[in-house]
């Protein structure tokens, strides 16, 4: 994924909290970051097909701003753009599934996540919005919000659980049980 312009694990940018946008005053800058995210997603798609959907946060392309894009697994669904997202509510019910990351694509890890999330985010016009995300989308969105908070999925893995090489995952990985 480095060839697609994705910042790789170990870069200090991935451990930093991304700076929020002041919207609507910074709407032009936010549009530029969103455009850069979509361009990077297109480059990534040239290298790999993602059956479970995919996401990308601005720090992963070298921009320390609070923006992320999530592409649902349904090919007919629109991409989700999140500006200044924060988790407003998370279900107590959770599951543990394998996740990967474009910033260290050679491993997968079992990560517990809430089954549903309500996420507060800002529109370009400055309006606040809360969107509910179920199951697989909740997992994708939570992963990207973690990036904006300087956190990698490996920090969410249970004690004693280690990432496995992608070659091993290919032999045991399954679609997420709840999409």
Foldseek 3Di string as FASTA:
>chain_A
DVVLQFAAPPPCLQQAAAAADDPLVCLVVLVVLVVVQVSSVVSVVVPDDDQQWAKDASSRNPHRYQWMWTGGNPPPDDIDIFGPKDWPDFDPDWDWAWDADPNDRFWIWTAIGGQKTWMWGADNNGDIDTDIDGHSRRVNVVQRVCSNHSHHRVVRHDPPTDIDTVVVCVVPHDHRPGD
